[in-house]
Every structure is written in structure tokens, then in C-alpha cells.
Amino acid sequence: MRRHRGFTLIEIAIVLVIIGLLLGGVLKGQELITSARVRNLIAQQDGVKAAYFGFLDRYRALPGDYGQAKANIPACASCQEGNNNGQITTAAAGAPNEEQISAWEHLSKAGFITGSYVYSGTAAPSNTPVNPYGGLTQLVFDNVYQDASPVNRHNLKTGNNIPSDILAEVDRKVDDGLGNAGQLRFSTFGGATNAGQECFNTTSGAWQSATPNANCGATTLF
């Protein structure tokens, strides 16, 4: 007679425990990565806000808009200078250059942010900080943010390519958790869209967390 030997209940239980541990490790790893990106986004926003106000306090002017940058900012002899009108604006809005890009060179040369940014007329990683997902940030005076009747004001864009569930977590930690209210709001800057409410619910204002969209963005209003 042949004896057919299969797995015992103990062996099966051990395999199931091992699989459970592996899955738990993967899920925990993903949670840690998500938490790190949330902290990174918050730190980046807080750091630039502090740099913005620090620059204003030292030079009595705004980065990018500063008209005496070459004379007063160290190693800034080749920097672009603004028109000192109290607004960080684009060339299309009447500025002598793209002040929202030259702002990063002013801040870095003055020592308020890390990195070495050199001005050019088109935003790129060489002249503009990027978010943890590779989207370009922006410090500017405009109305590209969620509001029924947005008015021009200084704001710091996170850039696009940020999942809506990440923005939901960031917003819950620093503001009111809504994409259409408070200091942190949805922004289309960089190509993010909410045409089909992919990023946040236009009625409740809640960010889409259960079914997150990968290409969202926000801005912090000053």
C-alpha cells in the first residue's frame, strides 16, 4: 500500500503566519513611506513660508520682486531684479522677468533655503524646488487656487503629481481638511485638474481619499 503524505495542519498554519507577516511588513512599509512624504510636504511648505517672511524682514522686499538684489544679496551679481511693487508676479503680468522663478535664486543666495538655484526664463528643477513627487513648486502672486471668486494674493503652490489622499492627510494636519477652504486649498498649477472631482468633492470640500487621484496639487495662501 502507498502512503500519500500531505501537509499537516501545523505546517499550513506556519506558512499562513509567514505570509501574514510578509504582508504586514509590506503594508507597514507603504504606511511609513506615505507618512514620510506627508511630513516632507509639510516641512517644505513651512520652510518656504519661513524663508519668505525672513527675507521680507531682512531686505524689506519680497524675493524675486527685490530691486536691489545684485547690490545687497551675497553672490547675486548676476541675479535678476524685480520691480519692487510688492508682488511676486510673472512677466505676462508686467514684471521685468519671471519673478516667481527669480524668487528661488534670491532666497537661496540669501541663505534662506537650501540648494543652489540659478534663474532662467522657464521653470525647471535647476531654478525651482520640486515636491516629493517631482512636481515644480511656485511662490507667486496670483489667483490660481480654489475659491468661488479667487483674488490675487501671495501663495505657495505644492506643484502637481501629488495623490489626493496625501493632500488630504497634509490638510488634516495643518488646516481644515478641505480642498476649497482654509489656508491650504486645491490648485490647478502644473496641470492638476478637478473637472470630474478627481481631487476633491466640490460640494463637501473633502479631498478624495477612498479613491485617490494621482495628479493633484494645492497651495498655501499667505
C-alpha atoms as a PDB file:
ATOM      1  CA  MET A   1       0.000   0.000   0.000  1.00  0.00           C
ATOM      2  CA  ARG A   2       1.172   3.516  -0.805  1.00  0.00           C
ATOM      3  CA  ARG A   3       1.153   6.237   1.786  1.00  0.00           C
ATOM      4  CA  HIS A   4       0.300   9.729   0.480  1.00  0.00           C
ATOM      5  CA  ARG A   5       1.775  12.326   2.785  1.00  0.00           C
ATOM      6  CA  GLY A   6       0.327  15.869   2.626  1.00  0.00           C
ATOM      7  CA  PHE A   7       0.900  18.991   4.698  1.00  0.00           C
ATOM      8  CA  THR A   8      -0.035  18.842   8.342  1.00  0.00           C
ATOM      9  CA  LEU A   9      -2.213  21.490   9.946  1.00  0.00           C
ATOM     10  CA  ILE A  10       0.813  22.813  11.826  1.00  0.00           C
ATOM     11  CA  GLU A  11       2.805  23.239   8.598  1.00  0.00           C
ATOM     12  CA  ILE A  12      -0.080  25.039   6.912  1.00  0.00           C
ATOM     13  CA  ALA A  13      -0.500  27.288   9.951  1.00  0.00           C
ATOM     14  CA  ILE A  14       3.208  28.176   9.887  1.00  0.00           C
ATOM     15  CA  VAL A  15       3.003  29.079   6.177  1.00  0.00           C
ATOM     16  CA  LEU A  16      -0.055  31.273   6.785  1.00  0.00           C
ATOM     17  CA  VAL A  17       1.702  33.046   9.654  1.00  0.00           C
ATOM     18  CA  ILE A  18       4.741  33.729   7.452  1.00  0.00           C
ATOM     19  CA  ILE A  19       2.523  35.093   4.655  1.00  0.00           C
ATOM     20  CA  GLY A  20       0.714  37.288   7.155  1.00  0.00           C
ATOM     21  CA  LEU A  21       3.993  38.674   8.476  1.00  0.00           C
ATOM     22  CA  LEU A  22       5.226  39.432   4.962  1.00  0.00           C
ATOM     23  CA  LEU A  23       2.002  41.214   4.029  1.00  0.00           C
ATOM     24  CA  GLY A  24       2.086  43.142   7.285  1.00  0.00           C
ATOM     25  CA  GLY A  25       5.637  44.236   6.577  1.00  0.00           C
ATOM     26  CA  VAL A  26       4.734  45.438   3.079  1.00  0.00           C
ATOM     27  CA  LEU A  27       1.720  47.387   4.318  1.00  0.00           C
ATOM     28  CA  LYS A  28       3.721  48.899   7.172  1.00  0.00           C
ATOM     29  CA  GLY A  29       6.444  49.908   4.735  1.00  0.00           C
ATOM     30  CA  GLN A  30       3.917  51.651   2.498  1.00  0.00           C
ATOM     31  CA  GLU A  31       2.477  53.443   5.519  1.00  0.00           C
ATOM     32  CA  LEU A  32       5.932  54.667   6.537  1.00  0.00           C
ATOM     33  CA  ILE A  33       6.632  55.934   3.012  1.00  0.00           C
ATOM     34  CA  THR A  34       3.310  57.782   2.944  1.00  0.00           C
ATOM     35  CA  SER A  35       3.969  59.354   6.352  1.00  0.00           C
ATOM     36  CA  ALA A  36       7.426  60.450   5.232  1.00  0.00           C
ATOM     37  CA  ARG A  37       6.035  62.137   2.115  1.00  0.00           C
ATOM     38  CA  VAL A  38       3.358  63.901   4.140  1.00  0.00           C
ATOM     39  CA  ARG A  39       5.994  65.196   6.572  1.00  0.00           C
ATOM     40  CA  ASN A  40       8.208  66.221   3.648  1.00  0.00           C
ATOM     41  CA  LEU A  41       5.425  68.250   2.032  1.00  0.00           C
ATOM     42  CA  ILE A  42       4.561  69.968   5.304  1.00  0.00           C
ATOM     43  CA  ALA A  43       8.218  70.718   6.040  1.00  0.00           C
ATOM     44  CA  GLN A  44       8.739  72.123   2.549  1.00  0.00           C
ATOM     45  CA  GLN A  45       5.731  74.432   2.834  1.00  0.00           C
ATOM     46  CA  ASP A  46       6.691  75.578   6.339  1.00  0.00           C
ATOM     47  CA  GLY A  47      10.318  76.095   5.325  1.00  0.00           C
ATOM     48  CA  VAL A  48       9.496  78.287   2.337  1.00  0.00           C
ATOM     49  CA  LYS A  49       6.955  80.312   4.330  1.00  0.00           C
ATOM     50  CA  ALA A  50       9.602  80.965   6.987  1.00  0.00           C
ATOM     51  CA  ALA A  51      12.109  81.906   4.267  1.00  0.00           C
ATOM     52  CA  TYR A  52       9.600  84.268   2.633  1.00  0.00           C
ATOM     53  CA  PHE A  53       8.962  86.184   5.846  1.00  0.00           C
ATOM     54  CA  GLY A  54      12.632  86.076   6.846  1.00  0.00           C
ATOM     55  CA  PHE A  55      13.647  87.613   3.514  1.00  0.00           C
ATOM     56  CA  LEU A  56      10.951  90.265   3.860  1.00  0.00           C
ATOM     57  CA  ASP A  57      12.156  91.121   7.347  1.00  0.00           C
ATOM     58  CA  ARG A  58      15.820  91.408   6.314  1.00  0.00           C
ATOM     59  CA  TYR A  59      15.509  93.251   2.995  1.00  0.00           C
ATOM     60  CA  ARG A  60      12.118  94.958   3.381  1.00  0.00           C
ATOM     61  CA  ALA A  61      11.227  93.496  -0.010  1.00  0.00           C
ATOM     62  CA  LEU A  62       9.956  90.229  -1.445  1.00  0.00           C
ATOM     63  CA  PRO A  63      12.178  87.568  -3.063  1.00  0.00           C
ATOM     64  CA  GLY A  64      12.012  87.835  -6.832  1.00  0.00           C
ATOM     65  CA  ASP A  65      10.471  91.296  -6.595  1.00  0.00           C
ATOM     66  CA  TYR A  66      13.546  92.802  -4.901  1.00  0.00           C
ATOM     67  CA  GLY A  67      15.001  95.642  -6.976  1.00  0.00           C
ATOM     68  CA  GLN A  68      18.401  95.827  -5.209  1.00  0.00           C
ATOM     69  CA  ALA A  69      19.209  92.122  -5.233  1.00  0.00           C
ATOM     70  CA  LYS A  70      22.520  92.494  -7.079  1.00  0.00           C
ATOM     71  CA  ALA A  71      23.894  95.009  -4.608  1.00  0.00           C
ATOM     72  CA  ASN A  72      22.636  93.526  -1.364  1.00  0.00           C
ATOM     73  CA  ILE A  73      22.329  89.743  -1.698  1.00  0.00           C
ATOM     74  CA  PRO A  74      25.666  87.868  -1.451  1.00  0.00           C
ATOM     75  CA  ALA A  75      26.932  86.277  -4.695  1.00  0.00           C
ATOM     76  CA  CYS A  76      23.936  87.667  -6.555  1.00  0.00           C
ATOM     77  CA  ALA A  77      25.722  89.904  -9.063  1.00  0.00           C
ATOM     78  CA  SER A  78      24.101  88.044 -11.946  1.00  0.00           C
ATOM     79  CA  CYS A  79      20.659  87.764 -10.369  1.00  0.00           C
ATOM     80  CA  GLN A  80      17.519  89.103 -11.960  1.00  0.00           C
ATOM     81  CA  GLU A  81      15.954  92.047 -10.149  1.00  0.00           C
ATOM     82  CA  GLY A  82      12.288  92.775  -9.684  1.00  0.00           C
ATOM     83  CA  ASN A  83      10.312  95.991  -9.860  1.00  0.00           C
ATOM     84  CA  ASN A  84       9.740  96.443  -6.104  1.00  0.00           C
ATOM     85  CA  ASN A  85       5.969  96.705  -6.456  1.00  0.00           C
ATOM     86  CA  GLY A  86       5.303  94.367  -3.534  1.00  0.00           C
ATOM     87  CA  GLN A  87       4.116  91.481  -5.713  1.00  0.00           C
ATOM     88  CA  ILE A  88       5.904  88.353  -6.970  1.00  0.00           C
ATOM     89  CA  THR A  89       4.448  88.270 -10.464  1.00  0.00           C
ATOM     90  CA  THR A  90       5.082  86.854 -13.917  1.00  0.00           C
ATOM     91  CA  ALA A  91       6.427  88.689 -16.946  1.00  0.00           C
ATOM     92  CA  ALA A  92       2.980  88.329 -18.517  1.00  0.00           C
ATOM     93  CA  ALA A  93       1.573  90.275 -15.557  1.00  0.00           C
ATOM     94  CA  GLY A  94       4.025  93.125 -16.161  1.00  0.00           C
ATOM     95  CA  ALA A  95       7.097  92.107 -14.137  1.00  0.00           C
ATOM     96  CA  PRO A  96      10.562  92.716 -15.717  1.00  0.00           C
ATOM     97  CA  ASN A  97      11.226  88.960 -15.547  1.00  0.00           C
ATOM     98  CA  GLU A  98       9.615  85.812 -14.187  1.00  0.00           C
ATOM     99  CA  GLU A  99       9.773  86.935 -10.557  1.00  0.00           C
ATOM    100  CA  GLN A 100       8.229  83.662  -9.355  1.00  0.00           C
ATOM    101  CA  ILE A 101      11.362  81.927 -10.701  1.00  0.00           C
ATOM    102  CA  SER A 102      13.968  84.506  -9.642  1.00  0.00           C
ATOM    103  CA  ALA A 103      12.479  84.330  -6.142  1.00  0.00           C
ATOM    104  CA  TRP A 104      14.200  80.972  -5.591  1.00  0.00           C
ATOM    105  CA  GLU A 105      17.613  82.355  -6.575  1.00  0.00           C
ATOM    106  CA  HIS A 106      17.140  85.308  -4.223  1.00  0.00           C
ATOM    107  CA  LEU A 107      16.138  83.017  -1.354  1.00  0.00           C
ATOM    108  CA  SER A 108      18.964  80.532  -1.908  1.00  0.00           C
ATOM    109  CA  LYS A 109      21.688  83.174  -2.381  1.00  0.00           C
ATOM    110  CA  ALA A 110      20.474  84.948   0.757  1.00  0.00           C
ATOM    111  CA  GLY A 111      20.752  81.664   2.663  1.00  0.00           C
ATOM    112  CA  PHE A 112      17.079  81.251   3.495  1.00  0.00           C
ATOM    113  CA  ILE A 113      16.615  77.942   1.643  1.00  0.00           C
ATOM    114  CA  THR A 114      18.983  75.102   0.836  1.00  0.00           C
ATOM    115  CA  GLY A 115      20.025  74.360  -2.714  1.00  0.00           C
ATOM    116  CA  SER A 116      21.589  76.426  -5.465  1.00  0.00           C
ATOM    117  CA  TYR A 117      19.085  77.866  -7.925  1.00  0.00           C
ATOM    118  CA  VAL A 118      20.064  79.885 -10.990  1.00  0.00           C
ATOM    119  CA  TYR A 119      17.479  81.905 -12.882  1.00  0.00           C
ATOM    120  CA  SER A 120      16.246  81.062 -16.366  1.00  0.00           C
ATOM    121  CA  GLY A 121      13.020  82.138 -18.013  1.00  0.00           C
ATOM    122  CA  THR A 122      11.386  78.715 -17.853  1.00  0.00           C
ATOM    123  CA  ALA A 123      10.769  76.892 -14.587  1.00  0.00           C
ATOM    124  CA  ALA A 124      12.869  73.732 -14.176  1.00  0.00           C
ATOM    125  CA  PRO A 125      14.474  71.744 -11.320  1.00  0.00           C
ATOM    126  CA  SER A 126      17.648  73.800 -11.798  1.00  0.00           C
ATOM    127  CA  ASN A 127      15.877  77.001 -10.770  1.00  0.00           C
ATOM    128  CA  THR A 128      12.843  75.793  -8.792  1.00  0.00           C
ATOM    129  CA  PRO A 129      12.388  73.361  -5.876  1.00  0.00           C
ATOM    130  CA  VAL A 130      10.375  70.211  -6.549  1.00  0.00           C
ATOM    131  CA  ASN A 131       7.928  68.340  -4.326  1.00  0.00           C
ATOM    132  CA  PRO A 132       8.471  64.683  -3.289  1.00  0.00           C
ATOM    133  CA  TYR A 133       6.668  63.550  -6.460  1.00  0.00           C
ATOM    134  CA  GLY A 134       8.761  65.607  -8.882  1.00  0.00           C
ATOM    135  CA  GLY A 135       6.312  68.475  -9.435  1.00  0.00           C
ATOM    136  CA  LEU A 136       7.648  72.036  -9.515  1.00  0.00           C
ATOM    137  CA  THR A 137       6.646  74.357  -6.685  1.00  0.00           C
ATOM    138  CA  GLN A 138       5.803  78.031  -7.144  1.00  0.00           C
ATOM    139  CA  LEU A 139       5.833  81.152  -4.952  1.00  0.00           C
ATOM    140  CA  VAL A 140       3.711  83.777  -6.699  1.00  0.00           C
ATOM    141  CA  PHE A 141       1.053  86.480  -6.526  1.00  0.00           C
ATOM    142  CA  ASP A 142      -1.957  85.144  -8.440  1.00  0.00           C
ATOM    143  CA  ASN A 143      -5.450  83.680  -8.110  1.00  0.00           C
ATOM    144  CA  VAL A 144      -4.816  80.087  -9.220  1.00  0.00           C
ATOM    145  CA  TYR A 145      -6.451  78.396  -6.260  1.00  0.00           C
ATOM    146  CA  GLN A 146      -9.874  77.014  -5.358  1.00  0.00           C
ATOM    147  CA  ASP A 147     -12.372  79.711  -4.435  1.00  0.00           C
ATOM    148  CA  ALA A 148     -15.754  80.854  -5.690  1.00  0.00           C
ATOM    149  CA  SER A 149     -14.254  84.250  -6.536  1.00  0.00           C
ATOM    150  CA  PRO A 150     -10.463  83.999  -6.183  1.00  0.00           C
ATOM    151  CA  VAL A 151      -8.498  87.226  -5.899  1.00  0.00           C
ATOM    152  CA  ASN A 152      -4.788  87.713  -6.430  1.00  0.00           C
ATOM    153  CA  ARG A 153      -2.732  87.036  -3.308  1.00  0.00           C
ATOM    154  CA  HIS A 154       0.652  85.571  -2.496  1.00  0.00           C
ATOM    155  CA  ASN A 155       0.588  81.799  -2.229  1.00  0.00           C
ATOM    156  CA  LEU A 156       2.937  78.824  -2.280  1.00  0.00           C
ATOM    157  CA  LYS A 157       1.985  76.068  -4.727  1.00  0.00           C
ATOM    158  CA  THR A 158       2.891  72.482  -3.847  1.00  0.00           C
ATOM    159  CA  GLY A 159       3.046  71.554  -7.527  1.00  0.00           C
ATOM    160  CA  ASN A 160       1.166  68.700  -9.173  1.00  0.00           C
ATOM    161  CA  ASN A 161       1.591  64.894  -9.271  1.00  0.00           C
ATOM    162  CA  ILE A 162       0.561  64.618  -5.615  1.00  0.00           C
ATOM    163  CA  PRO A 163      -2.053  61.929  -4.804  1.00  0.00           C
ATOM    164  CA  SER A 164      -5.261  63.342  -3.356  1.00  0.00           C
ATOM    165  CA  ASP A 165      -5.087  61.088  -0.279  1.00  0.00           C
ATOM    166  CA  ILE A 166      -1.658  62.565   0.542  1.00  0.00           C
ATOM    167  CA  LEU A 167      -3.056  66.083   0.269  1.00  0.00           C
ATOM    168  CA  ALA A 168      -5.968  65.021   2.468  1.00  0.00           C
ATOM    169  CA  GLU A 169      -3.532  63.942   5.185  1.00  0.00           C
ATOM    170  CA  VAL A 170      -1.454  67.119   4.825  1.00  0.00           C
ATOM    171  CA  ASP A 171      -4.582  69.274   5.008  1.00  0.00           C
ATOM    172  CA  ARG A 172      -5.857  67.469   8.101  1.00  0.00           C
ATOM    173  CA  LYS A 173      -2.538  68.057   9.858  1.00  0.00           C
ATOM    174  CA  VAL A 174      -2.068  71.740   9.012  1.00  0.00           C
ATOM    175  CA  ASP A 175      -5.507  73.150   8.192  1.00  0.00           C
ATOM    176  CA  ASP A 176      -9.208  72.248   7.986  1.00  0.00           C
ATOM    177  CA  GLY A 177      -9.012  69.145   5.762  1.00  0.00           C
ATOM    178  CA  LEU A 178     -10.935  70.784   2.916  1.00  0.00           C
ATOM    179  CA  GLY A 179      -9.741  71.453  -0.620  1.00  0.00           C
ATOM    180  CA  ASN A 180     -11.904  74.528  -1.108  1.00  0.00           C
ATOM    181  CA  ALA A 181     -11.486  76.364   2.193  1.00  0.00           C
ATOM    182  CA  GLY A 182      -8.894  77.403   4.739  1.00  0.00           C
ATOM    183  CA  GLN A 183      -5.262  78.260   4.087  1.00  0.00           C
ATOM    184  CA  LEU A 184      -4.417  75.099   2.112  1.00  0.00           C
ATOM    185  CA  ARG A 185      -6.571  74.694  -0.999  1.00  0.00           C
ATOM    186  CA  PHE A 186      -6.648  72.854  -4.292  1.00  0.00           C
ATOM    187  CA  SER A 187      -4.760  74.442  -7.207  1.00  0.00           C
ATOM    188  CA  THR A 188      -4.603  73.552 -10.898  1.00  0.00           C
ATOM    189  CA  PHE A 189      -0.993  74.765 -11.125  1.00  0.00           C
ATOM    190  CA  GLY A 190       1.235  72.312 -13.004  1.00  0.00           C
ATOM    191  CA  GLY A 191      -1.626  70.556 -14.772  1.00  0.00           C
ATOM    192  CA  ALA A 192      -3.709  69.195 -11.906  1.00  0.00           C
ATOM    193  CA  THR A 193      -7.419  69.040 -12.668  1.00  0.00           C
ATOM    194  CA  ASN A 194     -10.639  68.598 -10.762  1.00  0.00           C
ATOM    195  CA  ALA A 195     -13.020  68.683 -13.727  1.00  0.00           C
ATOM    196  CA  GLY A 196     -14.577  65.388 -12.636  1.00  0.00           C
ATOM    197  CA  GLN A 197     -13.968  65.949  -8.904  1.00  0.00           C
ATOM    198  CA  GLU A 198     -10.923  63.682  -9.119  1.00  0.00           C
ATOM    199  CA  CYS A 199      -9.065  65.536  -6.374  1.00  0.00           C
ATOM    200  CA  PHE A 200     -11.764  66.842  -4.034  1.00  0.00           C
ATOM    201  CA  ASN A 201     -15.530  66.928  -3.719  1.00  0.00           C
ATOM    202  CA  THR A 202     -16.769  70.366  -4.764  1.00  0.00           C
ATOM    203  CA  THR A 203     -19.827  70.077  -2.525  1.00  0.00           C
ATOM    204  CA  SER A 204     -18.301  68.890   0.749  1.00  0.00           C
ATOM    205  CA  GLY A 205     -14.788  70.133   0.039  1.00  0.00           C
ATOM    206  CA  ALA A 206     -13.295  66.815   1.204  1.00  0.00           C
ATOM    207  CA  TRP A 207     -10.230  65.516  -0.625  1.00  0.00           C
ATOM    208  CA  GLN A 208     -10.712  62.209  -2.424  1.00  0.00           C
ATOM    209  CA  SER A 209      -9.149  59.631  -0.116  1.00  0.00           C
ATOM    210  CA  ALA A 210     -11.054  56.380  -0.747  1.00  0.00           C
ATOM    211  CA  THR A 211     -10.333  56.550  -4.496  1.00  0.00           C
ATOM    212  CA  PRO A 212      -7.268  58.825  -4.695  1.00  0.00           C
ATOM    213  CA  ASN A 213      -6.230  60.570  -7.894  1.00  0.00           C
ATOM    214  CA  ALA A 214      -2.506  60.688  -8.670  1.00  0.00           C
ATOM    215  CA  ASN A 215      -2.342  64.140 -10.255  1.00  0.00           C
ATOM    216  CA  CYS A 216      -3.498  66.722  -7.725  1.00  0.00           C
ATOM    217  CA  GLY A 217      -1.999  69.844  -6.237  1.00  0.00           C
ATOM    218  CA  ALA A 218      -2.608  72.504  -3.624  1.00  0.00           C
ATOM    219  CA  THR A 219      -1.390  75.869  -2.457  1.00  0.00           C
ATOM    220  CA  THR A 220      -0.865  77.612   0.865  1.00  0.00           C
ATOM    221  CA  LEU A 221      -2.389  81.094   0.944  1.00  0.00           C
ATOM    222  CA  PHE A 222      -0.455  83.848   2.697  1.00  0.00           C
END
